[in-house]
PDB file of N, CA and C in Angstrom:
ATOM      1  N   MET A   1     110.431 101.222 121.199  1.00  0.00           N
ATOM      2  CA  MET A   1     110.954 101.730 119.954  1.00  0.00           C
ATOM      3  C   MET A   1     111.482 100.579 119.129  1.00  0.00           C
ATOM      4  N   CYS A   2     111.341 100.711 117.832  1.00  0.00           N
ATOM      5  CA  CYS A   2     111.822  99.676 116.916  1.00  0.00           C
ATOM      6  C   CYS A   2     112.954 100.211 116.057  1.00  0.00           C
ATOM      7  N   PHE A   3     113.968  99.407 115.927  1.00  0.00           N
ATOM      8  CA  PHE A   3     115.121  99.757 115.103  1.00  0.00           C
ATOM      9  C   PHE A   3     115.367  98.647 114.090  1.00  0.00           C
ATOM     10  N   ASP A   4     115.548  99.038 112.856  1.00  0.00           N
ATOM     11  CA  ASP A   4     115.944  98.103 111.807  1.00  0.00           C
ATOM     12  C   ASP A   4     117.383  97.664 112.081  1.00  0.00           C
ATOM     13  N   ILE A   5     117.729  96.475 111.667  1.00  0.00           N
ATOM     14  CA  ILE A   5     119.100  95.996 111.846  1.00  0.00           C
ATOM     15  C   ILE A   5     119.962  96.363 110.637  1.00  0.00           C
ATOM     16  N   ASP A   6     119.533  95.963 109.446  1.00  0.00           N
ATOM     17  CA  ASP A   6     120.354  96.177 108.245  1.00  0.00           C
ATOM     18  C   ASP A   6     120.358  97.640 107.831  1.00  0.00           C
ATOM     19  N   GLY A   7     121.554  98.213 107.760  1.00  0.00           N
ATOM     20  CA  GLY A   7     121.700  99.613 107.387  1.00  0.00           C
ATOM     21  C   GLY A   7     121.567 100.570 108.553  1.00  0.00           C
ATOM     22  N   VAL A   8     121.166 100.053 109.716  1.00  0.00           N
ATOM     23  CA  VAL A   8     121.048 100.886 110.917  1.00  0.00           C
ATOM     24  C   VAL A   8     122.021 100.388 111.985  1.00  0.00           C
ATOM     25  N   LEU A   9     121.951  99.098 112.333  1.00  0.00           N
ATOM     26  CA  LEU A   9     122.860  98.525 113.334  1.00  0.00           C
ATOM     27  C   LEU A   9     124.054  97.810 112.712  1.00  0.00           C
ATOM     28  N   ARG A  10     123.868  97.359 111.483  1.00  0.00           N
ATOM     29  CA  ARG A  10     124.982  96.709 110.784  1.00  0.00           C
ATOM     30  C   ARG A  10     124.995  97.195 109.341  1.00  0.00           C
ATOM     31  N   THR A  11     126.163  97.122 108.747  1.00  0.00           N
ATOM     32  CA  THR A  11     126.316  97.591 107.374  1.00  0.00           C
ATOM     33  C   THR A  11     125.490  96.736 106.415  1.00  0.00           C
ATOM     34  N   GLN A  12     125.065  97.371 105.326  1.00  0.00           N
ATOM     35  CA  GLN A  12     124.356  96.651 104.266  1.00  0.00           C
ATOM     36  C   GLN A  12     125.358  95.774 103.522  1.00  0.00           C
ATOM     37  N   THR A  13     124.992  94.535 103.263  1.00  0.00           N
ATOM     38  CA  THR A  13     125.933  93.615 102.616  1.00  0.00           C
ATOM     39  C   THR A  13     125.301  92.779 101.509  1.00  0.00           C
ATOM     40  N   ASP A  14     124.152  93.156 101.014  1.00  0.00           N
ATOM     41  CA  ASP A  14     123.472  92.388  99.960  1.00  0.00           C
ATOM     42  C   ASP A  14     123.340  90.911 100.321  1.00  0.00           C
ATOM     43  N   GLY A  15     122.936  90.646 101.545  1.00  0.00           N
ATOM     44  CA  GLY A  15     122.689  89.270 101.969  1.00  0.00           C
ATOM     45  C   GLY A  15     123.889  88.549 102.545  1.00  0.00           C
ATOM     46  N   ASP A  16     125.057  89.167 102.530  1.00  0.00           N
ATOM     47  CA  ASP A  16     126.262  88.547 103.094  1.00  0.00           C
ATOM     48  C   ASP A  16     126.368  88.951 104.566  1.00  0.00           C
ATOM     49  N   TYR A  17     125.402  88.508 105.354  1.00  0.00           N
ATOM     50  CA  TYR A  17     125.271  88.958 106.745  1.00  0.00           C
ATOM     51  C   TYR A  17     126.469  88.584 107.610  1.00  0.00           C
ATOM     52  N   GLU A  18     127.132  87.494 107.269  1.00  0.00           N
ATOM     53  CA  GLU A  18     128.290  87.056 108.048  1.00  0.00           C
ATOM     54  C   GLU A  18     129.415  88.085 108.020  1.00  0.00           C
ATOM     55  N   ASN A  19     129.484  88.872 106.946  1.00  0.00           N
ATOM     56  CA  ASN A  19     130.545  89.872 106.815  1.00  0.00           C
ATOM     57  C   ASN A  19     130.089  91.291 107.120  1.00  0.00           C
ATOM     58  N   ALA A  20     128.876  91.439 107.606  1.00  0.00           N
ATOM     59  CA  ALA A  20     128.384  92.765 107.991  1.00  0.00           C
ATOM     60  C   ALA A  20     129.178  93.269 109.189  1.00  0.00           C
ATOM     61  N   GLN A  21     129.349  94.575 109.248  1.00  0.00           N
ATOM     62  CA  GLN A  21     130.073  95.198 110.351  1.00  0.00           C
ATOM     63  C   GLN A  21     129.096  95.955 111.245  1.00  0.00           C
ATOM     64  N   PRO A  22     129.346  95.965 112.548  1.00  0.00           N
ATOM     65  CA  PRO A  22     128.475  96.722 113.446  1.00  0.00           C
ATOM     66  C   PRO A  22     128.643  98.224 113.225  1.00  0.00           C
ATOM     67  N   ILE A  23     127.561  98.956 113.392  1.00  0.00           N
ATOM     68  CA  ILE A  23     127.607 100.418 113.349  1.00  0.00           C
ATOM     69  C   ILE A  23     127.608 100.873 114.806  1.00  0.00           C
ATOM     70  N   LYS A  24     128.803 101.118 115.324  1.00  0.00           N
ATOM     71  CA  LYS A  24     129.018 101.330 116.755  1.00  0.00           C
ATOM     72  C   LYS A  24     128.200 102.480 117.326  1.00  0.00           C
ATOM     73  N   GLU A  25     128.131 103.584 116.627  1.00  0.00           N
ATOM     74  CA  GLU A  25     127.392 104.738 117.142  1.00  0.00           C
ATOM     75  C   GLU A  25     125.917 104.392 117.350  1.00  0.00           C
ATOM     76  N   ALA A  26     125.354 103.637 116.435  1.00  0.00           N
ATOM     77  CA  ALA A  26     123.957 103.222 116.555  1.00  0.00           C
ATOM     78  C   ALA A  26     123.778 102.272 117.736  1.00  0.00           C
ATOM     79  N   ILE A  27     124.678 101.322 117.871  1.00  0.00           N
ATOM     80  CA  ILE A  27     124.599 100.358 118.970  1.00  0.00           C
ATOM     81  C   ILE A  27     124.742 101.069 120.308  1.00  0.00           C
ATOM     82  N   ASP A  28     125.676 102.007 120.406  1.00  0.00           N
ATOM     83  CA  ASP A  28     125.844 102.773 121.650  1.00  0.00           C
ATOM     84  C   ASP A  28     124.566 103.524 122.005  1.00  0.00           C
ATOM     85  N   PHE A  29     123.917 104.123 120.998  1.00  0.00           N
ATOM     86  CA  PHE A  29     122.693 104.878 121.244  1.00  0.00           C
ATOM     87  C   PHE A  29     121.557 103.958 121.695  1.00  0.00           C
ATOM     88  N   ILE A  30     121.402 102.827 121.041  1.00  0.00           N
ATOM     89  CA  ILE A  30     120.352 101.882 121.425  1.00  0.00           C
ATOM     90  C   ILE A  30     120.601 101.357 122.833  1.00  0.00           C
ATOM     91  N   ASN A  31     121.840 101.043 123.161  1.00  0.00           N
ATOM     92  CA  ASN A  31     122.155 100.583 124.514  1.00  0.00           C
ATOM     93  C   ASN A  31     121.854 101.667 125.544  1.00  0.00           C
ATOM     94  N   LYS A  32     122.092 102.916 125.182  1.00  0.00           N
ATOM     95  CA  LYS A  32     121.782 104.047 126.068  1.00  0.00           C
ATOM     96  C   LYS A  32     120.275 104.100 126.333  1.00  0.00           C
ATOM     97  N   LEU A  33     119.471 104.001 125.278  1.00  0.00           N
ATOM     98  CA  LEU A  33     118.015 104.007 125.447  1.00  0.00           C
ATOM     99  C   LEU A  33     117.556 102.818 126.288  1.00  0.00           C
ATOM    100  N   TYR A  34     118.121 101.660 126.043  1.00  0.00           N
ATOM    101  CA  TYR A  34     117.802 100.455 126.813  1.00  0.00           C
ATOM    102  C   TYR A  34     118.088 100.698 128.299  1.00  0.00           C
ATOM    103  N   ASN A  35     119.261 101.258 128.578  1.00  0.00           N
ATOM    104  CA  ASN A  35     119.648 101.530 129.969  1.00  0.00           C
ATOM    105  C   ASN A  35     118.759 102.577 130.625  1.00  0.00           C
ATOM    106  N   GLU A  36     118.136 103.450 129.815  1.00  0.00           N
ATOM    107  CA  GLU A  36     117.207 104.453 130.339  1.00  0.00           C
ATOM    108  C   GLU A  36     115.810 103.875 130.565  1.00  0.00           C
ATOM    109  N   GLY A  37     115.615 102.620 130.224  1.00  0.00           N
ATOM    110  CA  GLY A  37     114.343 101.960 130.483  1.00  0.00           C
ATOM    111  C   GLY A  37     113.390 101.864 129.304  1.00  0.00           C
ATOM    112  N   PHE A  38     113.822 102.264 128.114  1.00  0.00           N
ATOM    113  CA  PHE A  38     112.960 102.149 126.941  1.00  0.00           C
ATOM    114  C   PHE A  38     112.919 100.704 126.460  1.00  0.00           C
ATOM    115  N   TRP A  39     111.748 100.289 125.973  1.00  0.00           N
ATOM    116  CA  TRP A  39     111.584  98.954 125.401  1.00  0.00           C
ATOM    117  C   TRP A  39     112.139  99.000 123.982  1.00  0.00           C
ATOM    118  N   ILE A  40     113.095  98.139 123.703  1.00  0.00           N
ATOM    119  CA  ILE A  40     113.771  98.133 122.409  1.00  0.00           C
ATOM    120  C   ILE A  40     113.433  96.850 121.647  1.00  0.00           C
ATOM    121  N   THR A  41     112.851  97.041 120.478  1.00  0.00           N
ATOM    122  CA  THR A  41     112.589  95.931 119.563  1.00  0.00           C
ATOM    123  C   THR A  41     113.474  96.125 118.341  1.00  0.00           C
ATOM    124  N   LEU A  42     114.179  95.082 117.977  1.00  0.00           N
ATOM    125  CA  LEU A  42     114.984  95.094 116.763  1.00  0.00           C
ATOM    126  C   LEU A  42     114.266  94.247 115.726  1.00  0.00           C
ATOM    127  N   TYR A  43     114.321  94.682 114.485  1.00  0.00           N
ATOM    128  CA  TYR A  43     113.677  93.902 113.434  1.00  0.00           C
ATOM    129  C   TYR A  43     114.552  93.874 112.199  1.00  0.00           C
ATOM    130  N   THR A  44     114.298  92.880 111.384  1.00  0.00           N
ATOM    131  CA  THR A  44     115.064  92.727 110.161  1.00  0.00           C
ATOM    132  C   THR A  44     114.270  91.928 109.147  1.00  0.00           C
ATOM    133  N   SER A  45     114.475  92.251 107.910  1.00  0.00           N
ATOM    134  CA  SER A  45     113.915  91.417 106.851  1.00  0.00           C
ATOM    135  C   SER A  45     115.020  90.543 106.257  1.00  0.00           C
ATOM    136  N   SER A  46     116.138  90.435 106.990  1.00  0.00           N
ATOM    137  CA  SER A  46     117.225  89.581 106.517  1.00  0.00           C
ATOM    138  C   SER A  46     116.720  88.142 106.396  1.00  0.00           C
ATOM    139  N   PHE A  47     117.241  87.466 105.440  1.00  0.00           N
ATOM    140  CA  PHE A  47     116.891  86.082 105.109  1.00  0.00           C
ATOM    141  C   PHE A  47     115.542  85.960 104.406  1.00  0.00           C
ATOM    142  N   MET A  48     114.803  87.066 104.228  1.00  0.00           N
ATOM    143  CA  MET A  48     113.520  87.001 103.537  1.00  0.00           C
ATOM    144  C   MET A  48     113.715  86.687 102.050  1.00  0.00           C
ATOM    145  N   GLY A  49     114.747  87.236 101.433  1.00  0.00           N
ATOM    146  CA  GLY A  49     115.005  86.945 100.024  1.00  0.00           C
ATOM    147  C   GLY A  49     115.313  85.475  99.810  1.00  0.00           C
ATOM    148  N   ARG A  50     116.176  84.945 100.655  1.00  0.00           N
ATOM    149  CA  ARG A  50     116.527  83.522 100.563  1.00  0.00           C
ATOM    150  C   ARG A  50     115.309  82.639 100.794  1.00  0.00           C
ATOM    151  N   ALA A  51     114.397  83.134 101.631  1.00  0.00           N
ATOM    152  CA  ALA A  51     113.206  82.361 101.992  1.00  0.00           C
ATOM    153  C   ALA A  51     112.023  82.671 101.069  1.00  0.00           C
ATOM    154  N   LYS A  52     112.266  83.441 100.016  1.00  0.00           N
ATOM    155  CA  LYS A  52     111.212  83.815  99.058  1.00  0.00           C
ATOM    156  C   LYS A  52     110.008  84.448  99.768  1.00  0.00           C
ATOM    157  N   ASN A  53     110.312  85.354 100.700  1.00  0.00           N
ATOM    158  CA  ASN A  53     109.316  86.112 101.473  1.00  0.00           C
ATOM    159  C   ASN A  53     108.442  85.254 102.380  1.00  0.00           C
ATOM    160  N   ASP A  54     108.891  84.069 102.700  1.00  0.00           N
ATOM    161  CA  ASP A  54     108.197  83.208 103.661  1.00  0.00           C
ATOM    162  C   ASP A  54     108.756  83.540 105.047  1.00  0.00           C
ATOM    163  N   GLN A  55     107.957  84.243 105.861  1.00  0.00           N
ATOM    164  CA  GLN A  55     108.452  84.723 107.148  1.00  0.00           C
ATOM    165  C   GLN A  55     108.875  83.575 108.063  1.00  0.00           C
ATOM    166  N   LYS A  56     108.144  82.476 108.044  1.00  0.00           N
ATOM    167  CA  LYS A  56     108.504  81.336 108.892  1.00  0.00           C
ATOM    168  C   LYS A  56     109.863  80.767 108.476  1.00  0.00           C
ATOM    169  N   ALA A  57     110.070  80.613 107.178  1.00  0.00           N
ATOM    170  CA  ALA A  57     111.346  80.094 106.685  1.00  0.00           C
ATOM    171  C   ALA A  57     112.486  81.066 106.987  1.00  0.00           C
ATOM    172  N   ALA A  58     112.224  82.368 106.868  1.00  0.00           N
ATOM    173  CA  ALA A  58     113.246  83.371 107.190  1.00  0.00           C
ATOM    174  C   ALA A  58     113.603  83.306 108.670  1.00  0.00           C
ATOM    175  N   TYR A  59     112.598  83.120 109.515  1.00  0.00           N
ATOM    176  CA  TYR A  59     112.833  82.986 110.955  1.00  0.00           C
ATOM    177  C   TYR A  59     113.728  81.778 111.224  1.00  0.00           C
ATOM    178  N   GLU A  60     113.371  80.655 110.634  1.00  0.00           N
ATOM    179  CA  GLU A  60     114.142  79.431 110.856  1.00  0.00           C
ATOM    180  C   GLU A  60     115.576  79.567 110.350  1.00  0.00           C
ATOM    181  N   ALA A  61     115.757  80.285 109.260  1.00  0.00           N
ATOM    182  CA  ALA A  61     117.093  80.442 108.680  1.00  0.00           C
ATOM    183  C   ALA A  61     117.928  81.505 109.381  1.00  0.00           C
ATOM    184  N   GLY A  62     117.275  82.556 109.911  1.00  0.00           N
ATOM    185  CA  GLY A  62     118.051  83.698 110.363  1.00  0.00           C
ATOM    186  C   GLY A  62     117.939  84.138 111.799  1.00  0.00           C
ATOM    187  N   PHE A  63     116.941  83.671 112.542  1.00  0.00           N
ATOM    188  CA  PHE A  63     116.746  84.177 113.898  1.00  0.00           C
ATOM    189  C   PHE A  63     117.964  83.901 114.778  1.00  0.00           C
ATOM    190  N   ALA A  64     118.405  82.652 114.834  1.00  0.00           N
ATOM    191  CA  ALA A  64     119.542  82.298 115.696  1.00  0.00           C
ATOM    192  C   ALA A  64     120.808  83.034 115.261  1.00  0.00           C
ATOM    193  N   PHE A  65     121.020  83.160 113.953  1.00  0.00           N
ATOM    194  CA  PHE A  65     122.194  83.879 113.457  1.00  0.00           C
ATOM    195  C   PHE A  65     122.171  85.327 113.926  1.00  0.00           C
ATOM    196  N   ASN A  66     121.041  86.007 113.726  1.00  0.00           N
ATOM    197  CA  ASN A  66     120.934  87.414 114.119  1.00  0.00           C
ATOM    198  C   ASN A  66     121.125  87.582 115.618  1.00  0.00           C
ATOM    199  N   LYS A  67     120.507  86.721 116.397  1.00  0.00           N
ATOM    200  CA  LYS A  67     120.616  86.795 117.855  1.00  0.00           C
ATOM    201  C   LYS A  67     122.079  86.650 118.298  1.00  0.00           C
ATOM    202  N   LYS A  68     122.784  85.704 117.710  1.00  0.00           N
ATOM    203  CA  LYS A  68     124.192  85.485 118.057  1.00  0.00           C
ATOM    204  C   LYS A  68     125.057  86.676 117.637  1.00  0.00           C
ATOM    205  N   GLN A  69     124.813  87.200 116.436  1.00  0.00           N
ATOM    206  CA  GLN A  69     125.598  88.338 115.955  1.00  0.00           C
ATOM    207  C   GLN A  69     125.382  89.556 116.853  1.00  0.00           C
ATOM    208  N   LEU A  70     124.136  89.840 117.201  1.00  0.00           N
ATOM    209  CA  LEU A  70     123.831  90.984 118.065  1.00  0.00           C
ATOM    210  C   LEU A  70     124.472  90.821 119.441  1.00  0.00           C
ATOM    211  N   ALA A  71     124.426  89.617 119.991  1.00  0.00           N
ATOM    212  CA  ALA A  71     125.054  89.357 121.292  1.00  0.00           C
ATOM    213  C   ALA A  71     126.561  89.585 121.211  1.00  0.00           C
ATOM    214  N   GLY A  72     127.166  89.162 120.125  1.00  0.00           N
ATOM    215  CA  GLY A  72     128.605  89.348 119.938  1.00  0.00           C
ATOM    216  C   GLY A  72     129.007  90.808 119.874  1.00  0.00           C
ATOM    217  N   TRP A  73     128.093  91.640 119.422  1.00  0.00           N
ATOM    218  CA  TRP A  73     128.354  93.076 119.341  1.00  0.00           C
ATOM    219  C   TRP A  73     127.906  93.814 120.594  1.00  0.00           C
ATOM    220  N   GLY A  74     127.318  93.117 121.554  1.00  0.00           N
ATOM    221  CA  GLY A  74     126.902  93.745 122.807  1.00  0.00           C
ATOM    222  C   GLY A  74     125.646  94.590 122.704  1.00  0.00           C
ATOM    223  N   VAL A  75     124.769  94.277 121.754  1.00  0.00           N
ATOM    224  CA  VAL A  75     123.543  95.055 121.577  1.00  0.00           C
ATOM    225  C   VAL A  75     122.521  94.645 122.635  1.00  0.00           C
ATOM    226  N   LYS A  76     121.964  95.649 123.325  1.00  0.00           N
ATOM    227  CA  LYS A  76     120.938  95.408 124.343  1.00  0.00           C
ATOM    228  C   LYS A  76     119.558  95.647 123.729  1.00  0.00           C
ATOM    229  N   TYR A  77     118.674  94.696 123.897  1.00  0.00           N
ATOM    230  CA  TYR A  77     117.321  94.829 123.357  1.00  0.00           C
ATOM    231  C   TYR A  77     116.402  93.862 124.098  1.00  0.00           C
ATOM    232  N   HIS A  78     115.118  94.049 123.904  1.00  0.00           N
ATOM    233  CA  HIS A  78     114.131  93.197 124.557  1.00  0.00           C
ATOM    234  C   HIS A  78     113.586  92.115 123.641  1.00  0.00           C
ATOM    235  N   GLU A  79     113.406  92.445 122.367  1.00  0.00           N
ATOM    236  CA  GLU A  79     112.907  91.428 121.449  1.00  0.00           C
ATOM    237  C   GLU A  79     113.480  91.623 120.054  1.00  0.00           C
ATOM    238  N   LEU A  80     113.571  90.510 119.354  1.00  0.00           N
ATOM    239  CA  LEU A  80     114.058  90.480 117.980  1.00  0.00           C
ATOM    240  C   LEU A  80     112.923  89.962 117.115  1.00  0.00           C
ATOM    241  N   PHE A  81     112.581  90.727 116.104  1.00  0.00           N
ATOM    242  CA  PHE A  81     111.433  90.419 115.255  1.00  0.00           C
ATOM    243  C   PHE A  81     111.906  90.227 113.825  1.00  0.00           C
ATOM    244  N   MET A  82     111.544  89.118 113.240  1.00  0.00           N
ATOM    245  CA  MET A  82     111.863  88.875 111.832  1.00  0.00           C
ATOM    246  C   MET A  82     110.697  89.423 111.014  1.00  0.00           C
ATOM    247  N   GLY A  83     110.901  90.537 110.339  1.00  0.00           N
ATOM    248  CA  GLY A  83     109.854  91.263 109.637  1.00  0.00           C
ATOM    249  C   GLY A  83     109.782  92.661 110.224  1.00  0.00           C
ATOM    250  N   LYS A  84     108.655  93.347 110.078  1.00  0.00           N
ATOM    251  CA  LYS A  84     108.488  94.684 110.656  1.00  0.00           C
ATOM    252  C   LYS A  84     107.282  94.684 111.583  1.00  0.00           C
ATOM    253  N   PRO A  85     107.508  94.916 112.880  1.00  0.00           N
ATOM    254  CA  PRO A  85     106.423  94.867 113.867  1.00  0.00           C
ATOM    255  C   PRO A  85     105.658  96.187 113.961  1.00  0.00           C
ATOM    256  N   PRO A  86     104.455  96.165 114.563  1.00  0.00           N
ATOM    257  CA  PRO A  86     103.747  97.414 114.853  1.00  0.00           C
ATOM    258  C   PRO A  86     104.475  98.156 115.972  1.00  0.00           C
ATOM    259  N   THR A  87     104.499  99.478 115.913  1.00  0.00           N
ATOM    260  CA  THR A  87     105.257 100.256 116.894  1.00  0.00           C
ATOM    261  C   THR A  87     104.823 101.712 116.900  1.00  0.00           C
ATOM    262  N   ASP A  88     105.243 102.451 117.924  1.00  0.00           N
ATOM    263  CA  ASP A  88     105.006 103.891 117.981  1.00  0.00           C
ATOM    264  C   ASP A  88     106.071 104.663 117.211  1.00  0.00           C
ATOM    265  N   LEU A  89     107.319 104.230 117.311  1.00  0.00           N
ATOM    266  CA  LEU A  89     108.431 104.876 116.599  1.00  0.00           C
ATOM    267  C   LEU A  89     109.212 103.815 115.844  1.00  0.00           C
ATOM    268  N   LEU A  90     109.522 104.113 114.603  1.00  0.00           N
ATOM    269  CA  LEU A  90     110.237 103.174 113.754  1.00  0.00           C
ATOM    270  C   LEU A  90     111.480 103.870 113.206  1.00  0.00           C
ATOM    271  N   ILE A  91     112.658 103.298 113.465  1.00  0.00           N
ATOM    272  CA  ILE A  91     113.903 103.864 112.971  1.00  0.00           C
ATOM    273  C   ILE A  91     114.433 102.894 111.921  1.00  0.00           C
ATOM    274  N   ASP A  92     114.415 103.326 110.665  1.00  0.00           N
ATOM    275  CA  ASP A  92     114.695 102.435 109.543  1.00  0.00           C
ATOM    276  C   ASP A  92     115.456 103.219 108.476  1.00  0.00           C
ATOM    277  N   ASP A  93     116.491 102.618 107.901  1.00  0.00           N
ATOM    278  CA  ASP A  93     117.275 103.309 106.881  1.00  0.00           C
ATOM    279  C   ASP A  93     116.487 103.549 105.595  1.00  0.00           C
ATOM    280  N   ARG A  94     115.318 102.941 105.458  1.00  0.00           N
ATOM    281  CA  ARG A  94     114.486 103.164 104.275  1.00  0.00           C
ATOM    282  C   ARG A  94     113.323 104.108 104.561  1.00  0.00           C
ATOM    283  N   ALA A  95     113.271 104.661 105.741  1.00  0.00           N
ATOM    284  CA  ALA A  95     112.209 105.594 106.109  1.00  0.00           C
ATOM    285  C   ALA A  95     112.492 106.967 105.495  1.00  0.00           C
ATOM    286  N   LEU A  96     111.458 107.795 105.424  1.00  0.00           N
ATOM    287  CA  LEU A  96     111.654 109.149 104.906  1.00  0.00           C
ATOM    288  C   LEU A  96     112.637 109.927 105.762  1.00  0.00           C
ATOM    289  N   PHE A  97     112.483 109.855 107.087  1.00  0.00           N
ATOM    290  CA  PHE A  97     113.444 110.515 107.966  1.00  0.00           C
ATOM    291  C   PHE A  97     114.420 109.465 108.479  1.00  0.00           C
ATOM    292  N   TYR A  98     115.575 109.458 107.902  1.00  0.00           N
ATOM    293  CA  TYR A  98     116.663 108.650 108.430  1.00  0.00           C
ATOM    294  C   TYR A  98     117.926 109.439 108.184  1.00  0.00           C
ATOM    295  N   ASN A  99     118.762 109.484 109.189  1.00  0.00           N
ATOM    296  CA  ASN A  99     119.992 110.245 109.117  1.00  0.00           C
ATOM    297  C   ASN A  99     121.053 109.429 109.824  1.00  0.00           C
ATOM    298  N   GLN A 100     122.205 109.288 109.254  1.00  0.00           N
ATOM    299  CA  GLN A 100     123.256 108.511 109.902  1.00  0.00           C
ATOM    300  C   GLN A 100     123.905 109.258 111.056  1.00  0.00           C
ATOM    301  N   ASP A 101     123.505 110.483 111.290  1.00  0.00           N
ATOM    302  CA  ASP A 101     123.999 111.264 112.425  1.00  0.00           C
ATOM    303  C   ASP A 101     123.110 110.941 113.624  1.00  0.00           C
ATOM    304  N   TRP A 102     123.638 110.146 114.546  1.00  0.00           N
ATOM    305  CA  TRP A 102     122.828 109.667 115.668  1.00  0.00           C
ATOM    306  C   TRP A 102     122.469 110.764 116.649  1.00  0.00           C
ATOM    307  N   ALA A 103     123.192 111.856 116.671  1.00  0.00           N
ATOM    308  CA  ALA A 103     122.801 113.001 117.510  1.00  0.00           C
ATOM    309  C   ALA A 103     121.498 113.596 116.981  1.00  0.00           C
ATOM    310  N   VAL A 104     121.358 113.667 115.669  1.00  0.00           N
ATOM    311  CA  VAL A 104     120.126 114.171 115.052  1.00  0.00           C
ATOM    312  C   VAL A 104     118.969 113.221 115.348  1.00  0.00           C
ATOM    313  N   ILE A 105     119.213 111.923 115.232  1.00  0.00           N
ATOM    314  CA  ILE A 105     118.165 110.936 115.522  1.00  0.00           C
ATOM    315  C   ILE A 105     117.739 111.022 116.981  1.00  0.00           C
ATOM    316  N   GLU A 106     118.709 111.112 117.898  1.00  0.00           N
ATOM    317  CA  GLU A 106     118.357 111.203 119.321  1.00  0.00           C
ATOM    318  C   GLU A 106     117.503 112.438 119.590  1.00  0.00           C
ATOM    319  N   LYS A 107     117.883 113.571 119.020  1.00  0.00           N
ATOM    320  CA  LYS A 107     117.115 114.806 119.222  1.00  0.00           C
ATOM    321  C   LYS A 107     115.680 114.631 118.720  1.00  0.00           C
ATOM    322  N   GLU A 108     115.519 114.034 117.557  1.00  0.00           N
ATOM    323  CA  GLU A 108     114.184 113.824 116.983  1.00  0.00           C
ATOM    324  C   GLU A 108     113.358 112.857 117.836  1.00  0.00           C
ATOM    325  N   ILE A 109     113.970 111.769 118.279  1.00  0.00           N
ATOM    326  CA  ILE A 109     113.259 110.806 119.131  1.00  0.00           C
ATOM    327  C   ILE A 109     112.807 111.466 120.420  1.00  0.00           C
ATOM    328  N   ARG A 110     113.710 112.184 121.061  1.00  0.00           N
ATOM    329  CA  ARG A 110     113.356 112.802 122.347  1.00  0.00           C
ATOM    330  C   ARG A 110     112.254 113.846 122.174  1.00  0.00           C
ATOM    331  N   SER A 111     112.226 114.539 121.040  1.00  0.00           N
ATOM    332  CA  SER A 111     111.156 115.518 120.812  1.00  0.00           C
ATOM    333  C   SER A 111     109.810 114.813 120.651  1.00  0.00           C
ATOM    334  N   LYS A 112     109.796 113.617 120.093  1.00  0.00           N
ATOM    335  CA  LYS A 112     108.555 112.855 119.919  1.00  0.00           C
ATOM    336  C   LYS A 112     108.057 112.275 121.237  1.00  0.00           C
ATOM    337  N   LEU A 113     108.953 112.071 122.181  1.00  0.00           N
ATOM    338  CA  LEU A 113     108.589 111.457 123.460  1.00  0.00           C
ATOM    339  C   LEU A 113     108.044 112.455 124.471  1.00  0.00           C
ATOM    340  N   GLN A 114     108.134 113.744 124.180  1.00  0.00           N
ATOM    341  CA  GLN A 114     107.681 114.763 125.132  1.00  0.00           C
ATOM    342  C   GLN A 114     106.192 114.964 125.068  1.00  0.00           C
TER     343      GLN A 114
END
């Protein structure tokens, strides 16, 4: 499963990532899925604006920062992707179905996995 970072795991900050706050309910849910054995990919387009949409430059500018921030918040995941990876399920605050109620998201995810 893939989860967006900005607006899903951390607050939106218009590029001020250093001052973003963790969204605890989302992190708890992702850690729960991780502990249940699901493969968790996190992705972000953070630093893409600064890098003028150059994915390599965004990676160089933001990968280590994002990894450190996620570790500081105790987020469990398998891979961190700068950009949007191919996936079976995508949880993104810009998707048609996105709800900040994580109980609703969990119910929807589990229904798709059956």
